[in-house]
Amino acid sequence: MSIKNYNKKSIIDCIQKEFIKESVPLINIGDSIKMSILIQEGNKKRIQNVEGVVISKNKSQLNTTITIRKVIQNIGVERVYLIHSPLIKDIKISRRAKIRQAKLYYLRLRSGKATRLKTKFSKKVF
């Protein structure tokens, strides 16, 4: 079949399906996560662990991104990560939070214990 028979949207969807990771856990805003990221320094590659709170999420199939905030030496650092990137090796959710907003940008103005979020406890089904 030629490309003229397909519309542009279906071609893009077929290409994106090849690169979407199936092993990504369900990440919500307010979750504390630990990620293992592959970093290249010169000609060496190493794995660096990143830990922080998800303050925002943008869903767009292959281009789904999350913004992680962490505090290093009393300085808040935020970074945007592509979830389906081949450089992200592992994502683990360490704690889920009970939140009422879609974006947690208000955490930027807080420090210390004020940045703690209420933990969400899941019901056990027997």
PDB file of N, CA and C in Angstrom:
ATOM      1  N   MET A   1       0.833  -1.189   0.000  1.00  0.00           N
ATOM      2  CA  MET A   1       0.000   0.000   0.000  1.00  0.00           C
ATOM      3  C   MET A   1       0.872   1.244   0.000  1.00  0.00           C
ATOM      4  N   SER A   2       0.386   2.246  -0.648  1.00  0.00           N
ATOM      5  CA  SER A   2       1.130   3.497  -0.687  1.00  0.00           C
ATOM      6  C   SER A   2       0.714   4.378   0.482  1.00  0.00           C
ATOM      7  N   ILE A   3       1.521   5.388   0.727  1.00  0.00           N
ATOM      8  CA  ILE A   3       1.254   6.299   1.834  1.00  0.00           C
ATOM      9  C   ILE A   3       0.023   7.156   1.543  1.00  0.00           C
ATOM     10  N   LYS A   4      -0.309   7.346   0.288  1.00  0.00           N
ATOM     11  CA  LYS A   4      -1.451   8.185  -0.067  1.00  0.00           C
ATOM     12  C   LYS A   4      -2.765   7.605   0.441  1.00  0.00           C
ATOM     13  N   ASN A   5      -2.838   6.286   0.639  1.00  0.00           N
ATOM     14  CA  ASN A   5      -4.068   5.654   1.105  1.00  0.00           C
ATOM     15  C   ASN A   5      -4.328   5.918   2.587  1.00  0.00           C
ATOM     16  N   TYR A   6      -3.293   6.196   3.350  1.00  0.00           N
ATOM     17  CA  TYR A   6      -3.439   6.471   4.776  1.00  0.00           C
ATOM     18  C   TYR A   6      -3.553   7.972   4.988  1.00  0.00           C
ATOM     19  N   ASN A   7      -4.272   8.341   6.017  1.00  0.00           N
ATOM     20  CA  ASN A   7      -4.250   9.742   6.383  1.00  0.00           C
ATOM     21  C   ASN A   7      -3.088   9.975   7.347  1.00  0.00           C
ATOM     22  N   LYS A   8      -2.728  11.216   7.539  1.00  0.00           N
ATOM     23  CA  LYS A   8      -1.537  11.554   8.325  1.00  0.00           C
ATOM     24  C   LYS A   8      -1.650  11.090   9.768  1.00  0.00           C
ATOM     25  N   LYS A   9      -2.827  11.185  10.328  1.00  0.00           N
ATOM     26  CA  LYS A   9      -3.012  10.823  11.735  1.00  0.00           C
ATOM     27  C   LYS A   9      -2.746   9.341  11.971  1.00  0.00           C
ATOM     28  N   SER A  10      -3.187   8.472  11.083  1.00  0.00           N
ATOM     29  CA  SER A  10      -2.972   7.046  11.278  1.00  0.00           C
ATOM     30  C   SER A  10      -1.501   6.677  11.101  1.00  0.00           C
ATOM     31  N   ILE A  11      -0.790   7.372  10.240  1.00  0.00           N
ATOM     32  CA  ILE A  11       0.644   7.119  10.072  1.00  0.00           C
ATOM     33  C   ILE A  11       1.389   7.487  11.344  1.00  0.00           C
ATOM     34  N   ILE A  12       1.054   8.623  11.912  1.00  0.00           N
ATOM     35  CA  ILE A  12       1.696   9.071  13.155  1.00  0.00           C
ATOM     36  C   ILE A  12       1.386   8.094  14.280  1.00  0.00           C
ATOM     37  N   ASP A  13       0.153   7.623  14.377  1.00  0.00           N
ATOM     38  CA  ASP A  13      -0.220   6.667  15.421  1.00  0.00           C
ATOM     39  C   ASP A  13       0.554   5.363  15.294  1.00  0.00           C
ATOM     40  N   CYS A  14       0.749   4.886  14.073  1.00  0.00           N
ATOM     41  CA  CYS A  14       1.500   3.638  13.864  1.00  0.00           C
ATOM     42  C   CYS A  14       2.944   3.784  14.299  1.00  0.00           C
ATOM     43  N   ILE A  15       3.539   4.930  14.008  1.00  0.00           N
ATOM     44  CA  ILE A  15       4.933   5.163  14.401  1.00  0.00           C
ATOM     45  C   ILE A  15       5.046   5.292  15.913  1.00  0.00           C
ATOM     46  N   GLN A  16       4.090   5.979  16.543  1.00  0.00           N
ATOM     47  CA  GLN A  16       4.145   6.177  17.987  1.00  0.00           C
ATOM     48  C   GLN A  16       3.963   4.875  18.752  1.00  0.00           C
ATOM     49  N   LYS A  17       3.181   3.954  18.238  1.00  0.00           N
ATOM     50  CA  LYS A  17       2.946   2.680  18.931  1.00  0.00           C
ATOM     51  C   LYS A  17       4.221   1.878  19.097  1.00  0.00           C
ATOM     52  N   GLU A  18       5.171   2.050  18.193  1.00  0.00           N
ATOM     53  CA  GLU A  18       6.444   1.329  18.291  1.00  0.00           C
ATOM     54  C   GLU A  18       7.266   1.787  19.492  1.00  0.00           C
ATOM     55  N   PHE A  19       7.168   3.060  19.847  1.00  0.00           N
ATOM     56  CA  PHE A  19       8.040   3.633  20.854  1.00  0.00           C
ATOM     57  C   PHE A  19       7.402   3.788  22.233  1.00  0.00           C
ATOM     58  N   ILE A  20       6.099   3.569  22.356  1.00  0.00           N
ATOM     59  CA  ILE A  20       5.437   3.711  23.656  1.00  0.00           C
ATOM     60  C   ILE A  20       5.808   2.537  24.549  1.00  0.00           C
ATOM     61  N   LYS A  21       6.234   2.848  25.780  1.00  0.00           N
ATOM     62  CA  LYS A  21       6.597   1.806  26.746  1.00  0.00           C
ATOM     63  C   LYS A  21       5.334   1.255  27.392  1.00  0.00           C
ATOM     64  N   GLU A  22       5.296  -0.050  27.564  1.00  0.00           N
ATOM     65  CA  GLU A  22       4.152  -0.693  28.205  1.00  0.00           C
ATOM     66  C   GLU A  22       4.373  -0.848  29.710  1.00  0.00           C
ATOM     67  N   SER A  23       5.613  -0.750  30.157  1.00  0.00           N
ATOM     68  CA  SER A  23       5.933  -1.017  31.559  1.00  0.00           C
ATOM     69  C   SER A  23       5.879   0.218  32.451  1.00  0.00           C
ATOM     70  N   VAL A  24       5.326   1.310  31.977  1.00  0.00           N
ATOM     71  CA  VAL A  24       5.253   2.538  32.771  1.00  0.00           C
ATOM     72  C   VAL A  24       4.094   2.431  33.757  1.00  0.00           C
ATOM     73  N   PRO A  25       4.348   2.661  35.059  1.00  0.00           N
ATOM     74  CA  PRO A  25       3.238   2.606  36.025  1.00  0.00           C
ATOM     75  C   PRO A  25       2.325   3.814  35.882  1.00  0.00           C
ATOM     76  N   LEU A  26       1.160   3.730  36.475  1.00  0.00           N
ATOM     77  CA  LEU A  26       0.201   4.831  36.455  1.00  0.00           C
ATOM     78  C   LEU A  26       0.683   5.908  37.422  1.00  0.00           C
ATOM     79  N   ILE A  27       1.115   7.021  36.882  1.00  0.00           N
ATOM     80  CA  ILE A  27       1.672   8.112  37.684  1.00  0.00           C
ATOM     81  C   ILE A  27       0.632   9.212  37.795  1.00  0.00           C
ATOM     82  N   ASN A  28       0.383   9.666  39.013  1.00  0.00           N
ATOM     83  CA  ASN A  28      -0.554  10.750  39.254  1.00  0.00           C
ATOM     84  C   ASN A  28       0.183  11.936  39.858  1.00  0.00           C
ATOM     85  N   ILE A  29      -0.470  13.078  39.824  1.00  0.00           N
ATOM     86  CA  ILE A  29       0.109  14.269  40.431  1.00  0.00           C
ATOM     87  C   ILE A  29       0.122  14.073  41.943  1.00  0.00           C
ATOM     88  N   GLY A  30       1.206  14.461  42.582  1.00  0.00           N
ATOM     89  CA  GLY A  30       1.344  14.309  44.023  1.00  0.00           C
ATOM     90  C   GLY A  30       2.088  13.058  44.434  1.00  0.00           C
ATOM     91  N   ASP A  31       2.382  12.168  43.497  1.00  0.00           N
ATOM     92  CA  ASP A  31       3.121  10.949  43.815  1.00  0.00           C
ATOM     93  C   ASP A  31       4.591  11.265  44.054  1.00  0.00           C
ATOM     94  N   SER A  32       5.182  10.596  45.029  1.00  0.00           N
ATOM     95  CA  SER A  32       6.625  10.644  45.223  1.00  0.00           C
ATOM     96  C   SER A  32       7.200   9.466  44.466  1.00  0.00           C
ATOM     97  N   ILE A  33       8.095   9.744  43.528  1.00  0.00           N
ATOM     98  CA  ILE A  33       8.604   8.676  42.682  1.00  0.00           C
ATOM     99  C   ILE A  33      10.124   8.636  42.709  1.00  0.00           C
ATOM    100  N   LYS A  34      10.644   7.462  42.363  1.00  0.00           N
ATOM    101  CA  LYS A  34      12.074   7.251  42.206  1.00  0.00           C
ATOM    102  C   LYS A  34      12.298   6.768  40.781  1.00  0.00           C
ATOM    103  N   MET A  35      13.170   7.460  40.062  1.00  0.00           N
ATOM    104  CA  MET A  35      13.440   7.110  38.674  1.00  0.00           C
ATOM    105  C   MET A  35      14.916   6.794  38.493  1.00  0.00           C
ATOM    106  N   SER A  36      15.197   5.851  37.618  1.00  0.00           N
ATOM    107  CA  SER A  36      16.568   5.540  37.229  1.00  0.00           C
ATOM    108  C   SER A  36      16.762   6.047  35.810  1.00  0.00           C
ATOM    109  N   ILE A  37      17.724   6.953  35.649  1.00  0.00           N
ATOM    110  CA  ILE A  37      17.933   7.601  34.364  1.00  0.00           C
ATOM    111  C   ILE A  37      19.341   7.299  33.864  1.00  0.00           C
ATOM    112  N   LEU A  38      19.452   6.995  32.594  1.00  0.00           N
ATOM    113  CA  LEU A  38      20.740   6.715  31.975  1.00  0.00           C
ATOM    114  C   LEU A  38      21.378   8.036  31.558  1.00  0.00           C
ATOM    115  N   ILE A  39      22.593   8.303  32.065  1.00  0.00           N
ATOM    116  CA  ILE A  39      23.300   9.550  31.784  1.00  0.00           C
ATOM    117  C   ILE A  39      24.612   9.219  31.096  1.00  0.00           C
ATOM    118  N   GLN A  40      24.915   9.970  30.058  1.00  0.00           N
ATOM    119  CA  GLN A  40      26.158   9.755  29.335  1.00  0.00           C
ATOM    120  C   GLN A  40      27.118  10.888  29.660  1.00  0.00           C
ATOM    121  N   GLU A  41      28.297  10.517  30.170  1.00  0.00           N
ATOM    122  CA  GLU A  41      29.351  11.478  30.467  1.00  0.00           C
ATOM    123  C   GLU A  41      30.562  11.098  29.636  1.00  0.00           C
ATOM    124  N   GLY A  42      30.853  11.896  28.623  1.00  0.00           N
ATOM    125  CA  GLY A  42      31.931  11.543  27.702  1.00  0.00           C
ATOM    126  C   GLY A  42      31.536  10.318  26.912  1.00  0.00           C
ATOM    127  N   ASN A  43      32.324   9.243  27.047  1.00  0.00           N
ATOM    128  CA  ASN A  43      31.970   7.997  26.364  1.00  0.00           C
ATOM    129  C   ASN A  43      31.501   6.929  27.345  1.00  0.00           C
ATOM    130  N   LYS A  44      31.271   7.311  28.607  1.00  0.00           N
ATOM    131  CA  LYS A  44      30.760   6.388  29.620  1.00  0.00           C
ATOM    132  C   LYS A  44      29.278   6.625  29.838  1.00  0.00           C
ATOM    133  N   LYS A  45      28.576   5.560  30.183  1.00  0.00           N
ATOM    134  CA  LYS A  45      27.158   5.666  30.542  1.00  0.00           C
ATOM    135  C   LYS A  45      26.988   5.156  31.955  1.00  0.00           C
ATOM    136  N   ARG A  46      26.181   5.857  32.729  1.00  0.00           N
ATOM    137  CA  ARG A  46      25.896   5.429  34.097  1.00  0.00           C
ATOM    138  C   ARG A  46      24.435   5.705  34.408  1.00  0.00           C
ATOM    139  N   ILE A  47      23.960   5.058  35.469  1.00  0.00           N
ATOM    140  CA  ILE A  47      22.563   5.238  35.884  1.00  0.00           C
ATOM    141  C   ILE A  47      22.531   6.143  37.108  1.00  0.00           C
ATOM    142  N   GLN A  48      21.706   7.186  37.033  1.00  0.00           N
ATOM    143  CA  GLN A  48      21.542   8.116  38.143  1.00  0.00           C
ATOM    144  C   GLN A  48      20.110   8.013  38.644  1.00  0.00           C
ATOM    145  N   ASN A  49      19.952   7.968  39.955  1.00  0.00           N
ATOM    146  CA  ASN A  49      18.621   7.894  40.564  1.00  0.00           C
ATOM    147  C   ASN A  49      18.128   9.294  40.885  1.00  0.00           C
ATOM    148  N   VAL A  50      16.875   9.548  40.544  1.00  0.00           N
ATOM    149  CA  VAL A  50      16.232  10.833  40.798  1.00  0.00           C
ATOM    150  C   VAL A  50      15.003  10.565  41.650  1.00  0.00           C
ATOM    151  N   GLU A  51      14.825  11.373  42.676  1.00  0.00           N
ATOM    152  CA  GLU A  51      13.696  11.190  43.582  1.00  0.00           C
ATOM    153  C   GLU A  51      13.026  12.540  43.796  1.00  0.00           C
ATOM    154  N   GLY A  52      11.692  12.579  43.715  1.00  0.00           N
ATOM    155  CA  GLY A  52      10.980  13.825  43.905  1.00  0.00           C
ATOM    156  C   GLY A  52       9.481  13.650  43.828  1.00  0.00           C
ATOM    157  N   VAL A  53       8.771  14.778  43.862  1.00  0.00           N
ATOM    158  CA  VAL A  53       7.312  14.796  43.834  1.00  0.00           C
ATOM    159  C   VAL A  53       6.855  15.269  42.460  1.00  0.00           C
ATOM    160  N   VAL A  54       5.864  14.585  41.897  1.00  0.00           N
ATOM    161  CA  VAL A  54       5.300  14.970  40.604  1.00  0.00           C
ATOM    162  C   VAL A  54       4.360  16.147  40.851  1.00  0.00           C
ATOM    163  N   ILE A  55       4.693  17.316  40.264  1.00  0.00           N
ATOM    164  CA  ILE A  55       3.846  18.490  40.474  1.00  0.00           C
ATOM    165  C   ILE A  55       2.960  18.792  39.269  1.00  0.00           C
ATOM    166  N   SER A  56       3.295  18.242  38.107  1.00  0.00           N
ATOM    167  CA  SER A  56       2.416  18.418  36.954  1.00  0.00           C
ATOM    168  C   SER A  56       2.625  17.278  35.968  1.00  0.00           C
ATOM    169  N   LYS A  57       1.632  17.104  35.110  1.00  0.00           N
ATOM    170  CA  LYS A  57       1.666  16.035  34.122  1.00  0.00           C
ATOM    171  C   LYS A  57       0.971  16.539  32.864  1.00  0.00           C
ATOM    172  N   ASN A  58       1.608  16.315  31.725  1.00  0.00           N
ATOM    173  CA  ASN A  58       1.022  16.670  30.438  1.00  0.00           C
ATOM    174  C   ASN A  58       0.891  15.401  29.625  1.00  0.00           C
ATOM    175  N   LYS A  59      -0.342  15.030  29.291  1.00  0.00           N
ATOM    176  CA  LYS A  59      -0.568  13.786  28.563  1.00  0.00           C
ATOM    177  C   LYS A  59      -0.748  14.087  27.085  1.00  0.00           C
ATOM    178  N   SER A  60       0.067  13.417  26.277  1.00  0.00           N
ATOM    179  CA  SER A  60      -0.049  13.544  24.837  1.00  0.00           C
ATOM    180  C   SER A  60       0.581  12.323  24.188  1.00  0.00           C
ATOM    181  N   GLN A  61       0.041  11.155  24.466  1.00  0.00           N
ATOM    182  CA  GLN A  61       0.488   9.871  23.938  1.00  0.00           C
ATOM    183  C   GLN A  61       1.986   9.677  24.131  1.00  0.00           C
ATOM    184  N   LEU A  62       2.771   9.745  23.078  1.00  0.00           N
ATOM    185  CA  LEU A  62       4.205   9.506  23.170  1.00  0.00           C
ATOM    186  C   LEU A  62       4.927  10.657  23.872  1.00  0.00           C
ATOM    187  N   ASN A  63       4.394  11.854  23.778  1.00  0.00           N
ATOM    188  CA  ASN A  63       5.028  13.037  24.358  1.00  0.00           C
ATOM    189  C   ASN A  63       4.554  13.329  25.772  1.00  0.00           C
ATOM    190  N   THR A  64       4.131  12.327  26.511  1.00  0.00           N
ATOM    191  CA  THR A  64       3.677  12.523  27.885  1.00  0.00           C
ATOM    192  C   THR A  64       4.855  12.914  28.759  1.00  0.00           C
ATOM    193  N   THR A  65       4.709  14.016  29.490  1.00  0.00           N
ATOM    194  CA  THR A  65       5.785  14.499  30.347  1.00  0.00           C
ATOM    195  C   THR A  65       5.293  14.659  31.776  1.00  0.00           C
ATOM    196  N   ILE A  66       6.228  14.562  32.709  1.00  0.00           N
ATOM    197  CA  ILE A  66       5.946  14.860  34.109  1.00  0.00           C
ATOM    198  C   ILE A  66       7.001  15.842  34.600  1.00  0.00           C
ATOM    199  N   THR A  67       6.602  16.715  35.505  1.00  0.00           N
ATOM    200  CA  THR A  67       7.529  17.651  36.124  1.00  0.00           C
ATOM    201  C   THR A  67       7.774  17.191  37.547  1.00  0.00           C
ATOM    202  N   ILE A  68       9.032  16.985  37.886  1.00  0.00           N
ATOM    203  CA  ILE A  68       9.408  16.501  39.212  1.00  0.00           C
ATOM    204  C   ILE A  68      10.105  17.615  39.967  1.00  0.00           C
ATOM    205  N   ARG A  69       9.692  17.792  41.214  1.00  0.00           N
ATOM    206  CA  ARG A  69      10.296  18.815  42.077  1.00  0.00           C
ATOM    207  C   ARG A  69      10.979  18.141  43.247  1.00  0.00           C
ATOM    208  N   LYS A  70      12.200  18.592  43.517  1.00  0.00           N
ATOM    209  CA  LYS A  70      12.935  18.123  44.689  1.00  0.00           C
ATOM    210  C   LYS A  70      13.739  19.287  45.233  1.00  0.00           C
ATOM    211  N   VAL A  71      14.144  19.186  46.479  1.00  0.00           N
ATOM    212  CA  VAL A  71      14.909  20.240  47.129  1.00  0.00           C
ATOM    213  C   VAL A  71      16.324  19.731  47.366  1.00  0.00           C
ATOM    214  N   ILE A  72      17.302  20.464  46.841  1.00  0.00           N
ATOM    215  CA  ILE A  72      18.711  20.116  47.011  1.00  0.00           C
ATOM    216  C   ILE A  72      19.406  21.297  47.669  1.00  0.00           C
ATOM    217  N   GLN A  73      19.947  21.087  48.853  1.00  0.00           N
ATOM    218  CA  GLN A  73      20.657  22.122  49.617  1.00  0.00           C
ATOM    219  C   GLN A  73      19.829  23.405  49.729  1.00  0.00           C
ATOM    220  N   ASN A  74      18.562  23.243  50.129  1.00  0.00           N
ATOM    221  CA  ASN A  74      17.609  24.337  50.333  1.00  0.00           C
ATOM    222  C   ASN A  74      17.295  25.127  49.057  1.00  0.00           C
ATOM    223  N   ILE A  75      17.510  24.526  47.912  1.00  0.00           N
ATOM    224  CA  ILE A  75      17.148  25.146  46.645  1.00  0.00           C
ATOM    225  C   ILE A  75      16.213  24.196  45.916  1.00  0.00           C
ATOM    226  N   GLY A  76      15.043  24.688  45.534  1.00  0.00           N
ATOM    227  CA  GLY A  76      14.077  23.864  44.817  1.00  0.00           C
ATOM    228  C   GLY A  76      14.486  23.683  43.364  1.00  0.00           C
ATOM    229  N   VAL A  77      14.460  22.440  42.904  1.00  0.00           N
ATOM    230  CA  VAL A  77      14.839  22.122  41.533  1.00  0.00           C
ATOM    231  C   VAL A  77      13.676  21.384  40.873  1.00  0.00           C
ATOM    232  N   GLU A  78      13.295  21.845  39.696  1.00  0.00           N
ATOM    233  CA  GLU A  78      12.232  21.190  38.927  1.00  0.00           C
ATOM    234  C   GLU A  78      12.799  20.785  37.580  1.00  0.00           C
ATOM    235  N   ARG A  79      12.381  19.622  37.120  1.00  0.00           N
ATOM    236  CA  ARG A  79      12.842  19.144  35.824  1.00  0.00           C
ATOM    237  C   ARG A  79      11.714  18.386  35.146  1.00  0.00           C
ATOM    238  N   VAL A  80      11.614  18.549  33.839  1.00  0.00           N
ATOM    239  CA  VAL A  80      10.582  17.892  33.050  1.00  0.00           C
ATOM    240  C   VAL A  80      11.194  16.657  32.398  1.00  0.00           C
ATOM    241  N   TYR A  81      10.511  15.513  32.528  1.00  0.00           N
ATOM    242  CA  TYR A  81      10.979  14.249  31.972  1.00  0.00           C
ATOM    243  C   TYR A  81       9.935  13.688  31.015  1.00  0.00           C
ATOM    244  N   LEU A  82      10.403  13.143  29.905  1.00  0.00           N
ATOM    245  CA  LEU A  82       9.544  12.388  28.996  1.00  0.00           C
ATOM    246  C   LEU A  82       9.398  10.983  29.556  1.00  0.00           C
ATOM    247  N   ILE A  83       8.202  10.532  29.795  1.00  0.00           N
ATOM    248  CA  ILE A  83       7.982   9.220  30.410  1.00  0.00           C
ATOM    249  C   ILE A  83       8.429   8.094  29.483  1.00  0.00           C
ATOM    250  N   HIS A  84       8.190   8.217  28.198  1.00  0.00           N
ATOM    251  CA  HIS A  84       8.485   7.139  27.258  1.00  0.00           C
ATOM    252  C   HIS A  84       9.886   7.244  26.653  1.00  0.00           C
ATOM    253  N   SER A  85      10.748   8.050  27.242  1.00  0.00           N
ATOM    254  CA  SER A  85      12.110   8.204  26.750  1.00  0.00           C
ATOM    255  C   SER A  85      12.906   6.920  26.960  1.00  0.00           C
ATOM    256  N   PRO A  86      13.774   6.556  26.016  1.00  0.00           N
ATOM    257  CA  PRO A  86      14.609   5.363  26.218  1.00  0.00           C
ATOM    258  C   PRO A  86      15.675   5.563  27.289  1.00  0.00           C
ATOM    259  N   LEU A  87      15.915   6.800  27.711  1.00  0.00           N
ATOM    260  CA  LEU A  87      16.902   7.066  28.756  1.00  0.00           C
ATOM    261  C   LEU A  87      16.366   6.768  30.150  1.00  0.00           C
ATOM    262  N   ILE A  88      15.056   6.670  30.315  1.00  0.00           N
ATOM    263  CA  ILE A  88      14.468   6.332  31.609  1.00  0.00           C
ATOM    264  C   ILE A  88      14.362   4.817  31.692  1.00  0.00           C
ATOM    265  N   LYS A  89      15.091   4.237  32.631  1.00  0.00           N
ATOM    266  CA  LYS A  89      15.156   2.784  32.744  1.00  0.00           C
ATOM    267  C   LYS A  89      14.091   2.218  33.671  1.00  0.00           C
ATOM    268  N   ASP A  90      13.785   2.941  34.762  1.00  0.00           N
ATOM    269  CA  ASP A  90      12.866   2.388  35.754  1.00  0.00           C
ATOM    270  C   ASP A  90      12.157   3.523  36.472  1.00  0.00           C
ATOM    271  N   ILE A  91      10.875   3.318  36.768  1.00  0.00           N
ATOM    272  CA  ILE A  91      10.091   4.279  37.554  1.00  0.00           C
ATOM    273  C   ILE A  91       9.396   3.505  38.658  1.00  0.00           C
ATOM    274  N   LYS A  92       9.608   3.948  39.912  1.00  0.00           N
ATOM    275  CA  LYS A  92       8.944   3.323  41.054  1.00  0.00           C
ATOM    276  C   LYS A  92       8.211   4.400  41.838  1.00  0.00           C
ATOM    277  N   ILE A  93       6.981   4.097  42.212  1.00  0.00           N
ATOM    278  CA  ILE A  93       6.193   5.027  43.011  1.00  0.00           C
ATOM    279  C   ILE A  93       6.387   4.659  44.470  1.00  0.00           C
ATOM    280  N   SER A  94       6.943   5.597  45.258  1.00  0.00           N
ATOM    281  CA  SER A  94       7.207   5.297  46.657  1.00  0.00           C
ATOM    282  C   SER A  94       6.042   5.695  47.565  1.00  0.00           C
ATOM    283  N   ARG A  95       5.299   6.740  47.184  1.00  0.00           N
ATOM    284  CA  ARG A  95       4.188   7.193  48.030  1.00  0.00           C
ATOM    285  C   ARG A  95       3.179   7.944  47.176  1.00  0.00           C
ATOM    286  N   ARG A  96       1.916   7.723  47.447  1.00  0.00           N
ATOM    287  CA  ARG A  96       0.854   8.441  46.748  1.00  0.00           C
ATOM    288  C   ARG A  96       0.272   9.493  47.685  1.00  0.00           C
ATOM    289  N   ALA A  97      -0.141  10.616  47.126  1.00  0.00           N
ATOM    290  CA  ALA A  97      -0.672  11.708  47.938  1.00  0.00           C
ATOM    291  C   ALA A  97      -2.118  11.986  47.575  1.00  0.00           C
ATOM    292  N   LYS A  98      -2.829  12.493  48.562  1.00  0.00           N
ATOM    293  CA  LYS A  98      -4.232  12.871  48.389  1.00  0.00           C
ATOM    294  C   LYS A  98      -4.247  14.363  48.062  1.00  0.00           C
ATOM    295  N   ILE A  99      -4.584  14.683  46.827  1.00  0.00           N
ATOM    296  CA  ILE A  99      -4.550  16.082  46.398  1.00  0.00           C
ATOM    297  C   ILE A  99      -5.886  16.467  45.790  1.00  0.00           C
ATOM    298  N   ARG A 100      -6.077  17.785  45.615  1.00  0.00           N
ATOM    299  CA  ARG A 100      -7.335  18.281  45.068  1.00  0.00           C
ATOM    300  C   ARG A 100      -7.106  19.224  43.892  1.00  0.00           C
ATOM    301  N   GLN A 101      -5.870  19.316  43.421  1.00  0.00           N
ATOM    302  CA  GLN A 101      -5.576  20.201  42.309  1.00  0.00           C
ATOM    303  C   GLN A 101      -4.847  19.447  41.207  1.00  0.00           C
ATOM    304  N   ALA A 102      -4.935  19.954  40.010  1.00  0.00           N
ATOM    305  CA  ALA A 102      -4.291  19.310  38.874  1.00  0.00           C
ATOM    306  C   ALA A 102      -2.806  19.641  38.796  1.00  0.00           C
ATOM    307  N   LYS A 103      -2.415  20.815  39.251  1.00  0.00           N
ATOM    308  CA  LYS A 103      -1.017  21.230  39.256  1.00  0.00           C
ATOM    309  C   LYS A 103      -0.657  21.679  40.664  1.00  0.00           C
ATOM    310  N   LEU A 104       0.499  21.259  41.134  1.00  0.00           N
ATOM    311  CA  LEU A 104       0.917  21.583  42.503  1.00  0.00           C
ATOM    312  C   LEU A 104       1.973  22.677  42.521  1.00  0.00           C
ATOM    313  N   TYR A 105       1.745  23.741  41.758  1.00  0.00           N
ATOM    314  CA  TYR A 105       2.718  24.821  41.689  1.00  0.00           C
ATOM    315  C   TYR A 105       2.818  25.600  42.998  1.00  0.00           C
ATOM    316  N   TYR A 106       1.838  25.467  43.862  1.00  0.00           N
ATOM    317  CA  TYR A 106       1.890  26.172  45.143  1.00  0.00           C
ATOM    318  C   TYR A 106       3.020  25.644  46.033  1.00  0.00           C
ATOM    319  N   LEU A 107       3.561  24.465  45.735  1.00  0.00           N
ATOM    320  CA  LEU A 107       4.676  23.939  46.513  1.00  0.00           C
ATOM    321  C   LEU A 107       5.944  24.765  46.326  1.00  0.00           C
ATOM    322  N   ARG A 108       6.003  25.540  45.264  1.00  0.00           N
ATOM    323  CA  ARG A 108       7.165  26.397  45.023  1.00  0.00           C
ATOM    324  C   ARG A 108       7.314  27.461  46.096  1.00  0.00           C
ATOM    325  N   LEU A 109       6.193  27.894  46.649  1.00  0.00           N
ATOM    326  CA  LEU A 109       6.219  28.972  47.635  1.00  0.00           C
ATOM    327  C   LEU A 109       6.428  28.468  49.056  1.00  0.00           C
ATOM    328  N   ARG A 110       6.427  27.177  49.244  1.00  0.00           N
ATOM    329  CA  ARG A 110       6.535  26.597  50.580  1.00  0.00           C
ATOM    330  C   ARG A 110       7.889  25.941  50.783  1.00  0.00           C
ATOM    331  N   SER A 111       8.250  25.788  52.057  1.00  0.00           N
ATOM    332  CA  SER A 111       9.512  25.123  52.366  1.00  0.00           C
ATOM    333  C   SER A 111       9.362  24.328  53.649  1.00  0.00           C
ATOM    334  N   GLY A 112      10.213  23.365  53.835  1.00  0.00           N
ATOM    335  CA  GLY A 112      10.213  22.558  55.051  1.00  0.00           C
ATOM    336  C   GLY A 112       9.016  21.647  55.151  1.00  0.00           C
ATOM    337  N   LYS A 113       8.434  21.600  56.350  1.00  0.00           N
ATOM    338  CA  LYS A 113       7.308  20.701  56.593  1.00  0.00           C
ATOM    339  C   LYS A 113       6.042  21.130  55.857  1.00  0.00           C
ATOM    340  N   ALA A 114       5.978  22.368  55.409  1.00  0.00           N
ATOM    341  CA  ALA A 114       4.794  22.857  54.699  1.00  0.00           C
ATOM    342  C   ALA A 114       4.642  22.200  53.329  1.00  0.00           C
ATOM    343  N   THR A 115       5.710  21.571  52.830  1.00  0.00           N
ATOM    344  CA  THR A 115       5.633  20.933  51.523  1.00  0.00           C
ATOM    345  C   THR A 115       5.115  19.503  51.600  1.00  0.00           C
ATOM    346  N   ARG A 116       4.874  19.002  52.807  1.00  0.00           N
ATOM    347  CA  ARG A 116       4.372  17.631  52.938  1.00  0.00           C
ATOM    348  C   ARG A 116       2.939  17.535  52.435  1.00  0.00           C
ATOM    349  N   LEU A 117       2.635  16.437  51.775  1.00  0.00           N
ATOM    350  CA  LEU A 117       1.285  16.182  51.275  1.00  0.00           C
ATOM    351  C   LEU A 117       0.673  15.040  52.076  1.00  0.00           C
ATOM    352  N   LYS A 118      -0.648  15.045  52.193  1.00  0.00           N
ATOM    353  CA  LYS A 118      -1.324  13.958  52.893  1.00  0.00           C
ATOM    354  C   LYS A 118      -1.211  12.682  52.074  1.00  0.00           C
ATOM    355  N   THR A 119      -0.867  11.586  52.751  1.00  0.00           N
ATOM    356  CA  THR A 119      -0.718  10.328  52.030  1.00  0.00           C
ATOM    357  C   THR A 119      -2.077   9.692  51.784  1.00  0.00           C
ATOM    358  N   LYS A 120      -2.179   9.023  50.660  1.00  0.00           N
ATOM    359  CA  LYS A 120      -3.408   8.328  50.294  1.00  0.00           C
ATOM    360  C   LYS A 120      -3.245   6.855  50.634  1.00  0.00           C
ATOM    361  N   PHE A 121      -4.160   6.320  51.376  1.00  0.00           N
ATOM    362  CA  PHE A 121      -4.114   4.913  51.734  1.00  0.00           C
ATOM    363  C   PHE A 121      -5.120   4.161  50.870  1.00  0.00           C
ATOM    364  N   SER A 122      -4.658   3.128  50.214  1.00  0.00           N
ATOM    365  CA  SER A 122      -5.553   2.364  49.348  1.00  0.00           C
ATOM    366  C   SER A 122      -6.277   1.310  50.168  1.00  0.00           C
ATOM    367  N   LYS A 123      -7.491   0.987  49.761  1.00  0.00           N
ATOM    368  CA  LYS A 123      -8.272  -0.041  50.448  1.00  0.00           C
ATOM    369  C   LYS A 123      -7.804  -1.412  49.993  1.00  0.00           C
ATOM    370  N   LYS A 124      -7.646  -2.296  50.937  1.00  0.00           N
ATOM    371  CA  LYS A 124      -7.235  -3.650  50.606  1.00  0.00           C
ATOM    372  C   LYS A 124      -8.473  -4.487  50.276  1.00  0.00           C
ATOM    373  N   VAL A 125      -8.388  -5.211  49.187  1.00  0.00           N
ATOM    374  CA  VAL A 125      -9.493  -6.072  48.780  1.00  0.00           C
ATOM    375  C   VAL A 125      -9.070  -7.512  49.040  1.00  0.00           C
ATOM    376  N   PHE A 126      -9.880  -8.224  49.782  1.00  0.00           N
ATOM    377  CA  PHE A 126      -9.526  -9.608  50.121  1.00  0.00           C
ATOM    378  C   PHE A 126     -10.249 -10.572  49.246  1.00  0.00           C
TER     379      PHE A 126
END
